Protein backbone atom coordinates (compact mmCIF):
# COMPACT_ATOMS: atom_id res chain seq x y z
CA LEU A 1 41.55 9.34 23.27
CA VAL A 2 42.62 12.42 23.11
CA SER A 3 42.14 12.83 19.37
CA ASP A 4 38.34 12.48 19.38
CA LEU A 5 38.20 15.41 21.12
CA LEU A 6 40.09 17.37 18.59
CA ASP A 7 38.17 18.58 14.95
CA GLN A 8 40.21 16.65 12.58
CA GLN A 9 40.35 19.70 9.76
CA THR A 10 41.52 22.21 12.02
CA LYS A 11 43.02 20.06 14.96
CA GLU A 12 41.60 22.27 17.42
CA TRP A 13 39.49 21.12 20.41
CA ASP A 14 35.95 20.23 19.09
CA LEU A 15 34.40 21.82 22.04
CA ASP A 16 30.95 20.08 21.58
CA ARG A 17 32.49 16.81 21.57
CA ILE A 18 34.10 18.05 24.94
CA ARG A 19 30.80 19.24 26.35
CA LEU A 20 29.21 15.98 25.27
CA HIS A 21 31.44 13.80 26.71
CA LEU A 22 33.48 15.84 29.38
CA PRO A 23 31.46 18.99 30.20
CA GLN A 24 33.08 19.24 34.02
CA TYR A 25 36.39 19.25 32.48
CA GLU A 26 35.96 22.05 29.68
CA GLU A 27 37.99 24.87 30.91
CA ALA A 28 40.56 22.64 31.89
CA ILE A 29 40.57 20.99 28.46
CA ARG A 30 40.38 24.92 26.71
CA LEU A 31 43.63 25.84 28.53
CA ILE A 32 45.45 22.95 26.78
CA ILE A 33 47.15 23.91 23.52
CA PRO A 34 46.92 21.09 21.37
CA SER A 35 50.31 19.71 19.81
CA THR A 36 51.26 20.95 16.69
CA LEU A 37 53.54 17.66 16.39
CA LYS A 38 50.44 15.02 16.28
CA PRO A 39 51.81 12.11 18.40
CA LEU A 40 49.75 9.30 18.58
CA ASP A 41 48.19 8.95 21.88
CA LYS A 42 49.07 6.36 24.52
CA GLN A 43 48.55 5.55 28.16
CA VAL A 44 50.76 6.14 30.46
CA TRP A 45 50.85 5.59 34.36
CA LEU A 46 51.78 8.77 35.90
CA PRO A 47 52.85 7.05 39.43
CA ASP A 48 55.91 6.16 37.33
CA VAL A 49 58.67 8.18 36.12
CA SER A 50 58.98 5.67 33.30
CA GLY A 51 55.41 6.29 32.44
CA SER A 52 54.52 1.80 32.35
CA TYR A 53 52.40 0.31 34.65
CA THR A 54 53.99 -2.79 36.37
CA THR A 55 52.69 -4.61 39.68
CA LYS A 56 55.61 -2.78 41.32
CA SER A 57 54.26 0.44 40.34
CA GLY A 58 50.99 -0.33 41.58
CA TYR A 59 51.71 -1.87 44.87
CA LYS A 60 54.01 1.05 45.43
CA ARG A 61 51.02 3.75 44.62
CA ILE A 62 48.83 2.05 47.16
CA PHE A 63 51.30 1.42 49.99
CA GLU A 64 52.00 5.19 50.00
CA GLU A 65 48.02 6.07 49.89
CA LYS A 66 48.08 3.57 52.47
CA LYS A 67 51.09 5.37 54.53
CA ASP A 68 48.72 8.75 54.20
CA LEU A 69 46.05 6.96 55.54
CA THR A 70 47.77 6.12 58.53
CA ASN A 71 49.65 9.33 59.22
CA ASP A 72 50.58 9.46 63.05
CA GLN A 73 50.34 13.61 63.01
CA PHE A 74 46.16 12.87 62.55
CA ASN A 75 45.22 13.31 66.15
CA TRP A 76 42.29 11.00 66.59
CA MET A 77 41.10 12.30 70.33
CA LYS A 78 40.33 15.53 68.56
CA THR A 79 38.82 14.42 65.44
CA VAL A 80 36.74 11.21 66.50
């Protein structure tokens, strides 16, 4: 959870925890200013505007990725 990466007293990023668990993202995380409203953590499905995962939204995401892979603009003769 995001809250696990925050210092519980100062409500700022706990850099030791970030370095321990997500060292490759430290720079990006440090650019995010923690909310002063302290909302509860929740999981969201970013490919859907509602933030909720459904079978339909999952299928749509897979279809979009597959469509990108079969793009007609890819020049097989030139690339292969």
